[in-house]
C-alpha atoms as a PDB file:
ATOM      1  CA  UNK A   1      24.137   1.543 -46.632  1.00  0.00           C
ATOM      2  CA  UNK A   2      22.835  -1.665 -48.017  1.00  0.00           C
ATOM      3  CA  UNK A   3      20.153  -2.561 -45.880  1.00  0.00           C
ATOM      4  CA  UNK A   4      18.159  -6.670 -46.154  1.00  0.00           C
ATOM      5  CA  UNK A   5      14.250  -5.370 -45.654  1.00  0.00           C
ATOM      6  CA  UNK A   6      11.683  -8.571 -45.950  1.00  0.00           C
ATOM      7  CA  UNK A   7       8.675  -7.020 -47.583  1.00  0.00           C
ATOM      8  CA  UNK A   8       5.252  -9.503 -48.133  1.00  0.00           C
ATOM      9  CA  UNK A   9       3.795  -8.458 -51.354  1.00  0.00           C
ATOM     10  CA  UNK A  10      -0.090  -7.949 -50.743  1.00  0.00           C
ATOM     11  CA  UNK A  11      -3.153  -8.851 -52.962  1.00  0.00           C
ATOM     12  CA  UNK A  12      -3.757  -4.980 -54.533  1.00  0.00           C
ATOM     13  CA  UNK A  13       0.129  -4.761 -54.684  1.00  0.00           C
ATOM     14  CA  UNK A  14       2.108  -2.674 -51.897  1.00  0.00           C
ATOM     15  CA  UNK A  15       5.006  -4.796 -50.899  1.00  0.00           C
ATOM     16  CA  UNK A  16       4.253  -4.439 -46.683  1.00  0.00           C
ATOM     17  CA  UNK A  17       7.136  -4.836 -43.690  1.00  0.00           C
ATOM     18  CA  UNK A  18       7.265  -8.746 -42.769  1.00  0.00           C
ATOM     19  CA  UNK A  19       9.437  -7.776 -39.955  1.00  0.00           C
ATOM     20  CA  UNK A  20       9.160  -5.293 -37.091  1.00  0.00           C
ATOM     21  CA  UNK A  21      13.747  -5.191 -38.244  1.00  0.00           C
ATOM     22  CA  UNK A  22      12.635  -3.754 -41.891  1.00  0.00           C
ATOM     23  CA  UNK A  23       9.661  -2.515 -40.415  1.00  0.00           C
ATOM     24  CA  UNK A  24      12.287   0.026 -38.221  1.00  0.00           C
ATOM     25  CA  UNK A  25      14.146   0.033 -40.692  1.00  0.00           C
ATOM     26  CA  UNK A  26      12.073   1.555 -43.292  1.00  0.00           C
ATOM     27  CA  UNK A  27      10.940   4.358 -40.449  1.00  0.00           C
ATOM     28  CA  UNK A  28      14.033   5.339 -39.306  1.00  0.00           C
ATOM     29  CA  UNK A  29      16.166   5.210 -41.682  1.00  0.00           C
ATOM     30  CA  UNK A  30      15.106   5.987 -45.347  1.00  0.00           C
ATOM     31  CA  UNK A  31      13.949   9.370 -45.541  1.00  0.00           C
ATOM     32  CA  UNK A  32      10.214   9.691 -47.038  1.00  0.00           C
ATOM     33  CA  UNK A  33       9.568   9.885 -51.018  1.00  0.00           C
ATOM     34  CA  UNK A  34      13.512   8.702 -50.913  1.00  0.00           C
ATOM     35  CA  UNK A  35      13.976   6.321 -53.778  1.00  0.00           C
ATOM     36  CA  UNK A  36      15.460   2.574 -53.252  1.00  0.00           C
ATOM     37  CA  UNK A  37      17.065  -0.221 -55.976  1.00  0.00           C
ATOM     38  CA  UNK A  38      17.106  -3.041 -54.654  1.00  0.00           C
ATOM     39  CA  UNK A  39      17.484  -7.223 -56.068  1.00  0.00           C
ATOM     40  CA  UNK A  40      14.542  -9.148 -54.737  1.00  0.00           C
ATOM     41  CA  UNK A  41      14.453 -13.576 -54.509  1.00  0.00           C
ATOM     42  CA  UNK A  42      11.353 -15.406 -53.646  1.00  0.00           C
ATOM     43  CA  UNK A  43      12.649 -17.534 -50.117  1.00  0.00           C
ATOM     44  CA  UNK A  44      11.829 -21.055 -50.605  1.00  0.00           C
ATOM     45  CA  UNK A  45       9.160 -22.184 -48.439  1.00  0.00           C
ATOM     46  CA  UNK A  46      10.012 -23.090 -45.242  1.00  0.00           C
ATOM     47  CA  UNK A  47       7.689 -25.070 -44.790  1.00  0.00           C
ATOM     48  CA  UNK A  48       8.599 -27.849 -47.486  1.00  0.00           C
ATOM     49  CA  UNK A  49      12.675 -26.830 -46.166  1.00  0.00           C
ATOM     50  CA  UNK A  50      12.157 -28.716 -42.663  1.00  0.00           C
ATOM     51  CA  UNK A  51      10.077 -31.200 -44.433  1.00  0.00           C
ATOM     52  CA  UNK A  52      13.133 -31.950 -47.376  1.00  0.00           C
ATOM     53  CA  UNK A  53      15.914 -32.059 -44.318  1.00  0.00           C
ATOM     54  CA  UNK A  54      14.193 -34.130 -42.241  1.00  0.00           C
ATOM     55  CA  UNK A  55      13.620 -36.774 -44.814  1.00  0.00           C
ATOM     56  CA  UNK A  56      17.224 -36.092 -45.279  1.00  0.00           C
ATOM     57  CA  UNK A  57      18.331 -36.921 -41.772  1.00  0.00           C
ATOM     58  CA  UNK A  58      16.200 -39.766 -41.883  1.00  0.00           C
ATOM     59  CA  UNK A  59      17.874 -41.544 -44.927  1.00  0.00           C
ATOM     60  CA  UNK A  60      21.119 -40.306 -43.269  1.00  0.00           C
ATOM     61  CA  UNK A  61      20.711 -42.210 -39.867  1.00  0.00           C
ATOM     62  CA  UNK A  62      18.686 -45.187 -42.039  1.00  0.00           C
ATOM     63  CA  UNK A  63      21.126 -46.096 -44.773  1.00  0.00           C
ATOM     64  CA  UNK A  64      24.186 -44.580 -41.796  1.00  0.00           C
ATOM     65  CA  UNK A  65      27.209 -48.369 -41.881  1.00  0.00           C
ATOM     66  CA  UNK A  66      27.327 -48.856 -38.508  1.00  0.00           C
ATOM     67  CA  UNK A  67      30.946 -51.075 -39.280  1.00  0.00           C
ATOM     68  CA  UNK A  68      32.403 -49.861 -41.392  1.00  0.00           C
ATOM     69  CA  UNK A  69      32.153 -49.264 -45.283  1.00  0.00           C
ATOM     70  CA  UNK A  70      31.558 -53.066 -45.921  1.00  0.00           C
ATOM     71  CA  UNK A  71      30.607 -55.682 -44.315  1.00  0.00           C
ATOM     72  CA  UNK A  72      32.779 -58.907 -43.283  1.00  0.00           C
ATOM     73  CA  UNK A  73      32.019 -60.965 -44.913  1.00  0.00           C
ATOM     74  CA  UNK A  74      33.047 -58.275 -48.570  1.00  0.00           C
ATOM     75  CA  UNK A  75      35.844 -57.247 -46.365  1.00  0.00           C
ATOM     76  CA  UNK A  76      37.160 -61.433 -45.973  1.00  0.00           C
ATOM     77  CA  UNK A  77      35.697 -61.840 -50.006  1.00  0.00           C
ATOM     78  CA  UNK A  78      38.300 -58.913 -49.992  1.00  0.00           C
ATOM     79  CA  UNK A  79      41.068 -59.927 -48.634  1.00  0.00           C
ATOM     80  CA  UNK A  80      40.922 -63.040 -49.896  1.00  0.00           C
ATOM     81  CA  UNK A  81      41.014 -61.766 -53.288  1.00  0.00           C
ATOM     82  CA  UNK A  82      44.180 -59.785 -53.155  1.00  0.00           C
ATOM     83  CA  UNK A  83      46.151 -62.608 -51.341  1.00  0.00           C
ATOM     84  CA  UNK A  84      45.041 -64.284 -54.380  1.00  0.00           C
ATOM     85  CA  UNK A  85      46.757 -61.304 -56.932  1.00  0.00           C
END
């Protein structure tokens, strides 16, 4: 059965549980001396991730069009050109 474990690497090279859930899984479901095979990936920096999405939200709020995709003057120009054709 597959489990998702969150581990933290210590300076001595030992991996320790990062969450209480991971600790519970290791203590209750994994037998002592069992060999585990895993694919490791480093999670993104959560502080940077929050800042990045806050910046995206700020940009969206600032650049969000209020009256449609084009302004009234641009619409007038396009309609005039369409009538010309």
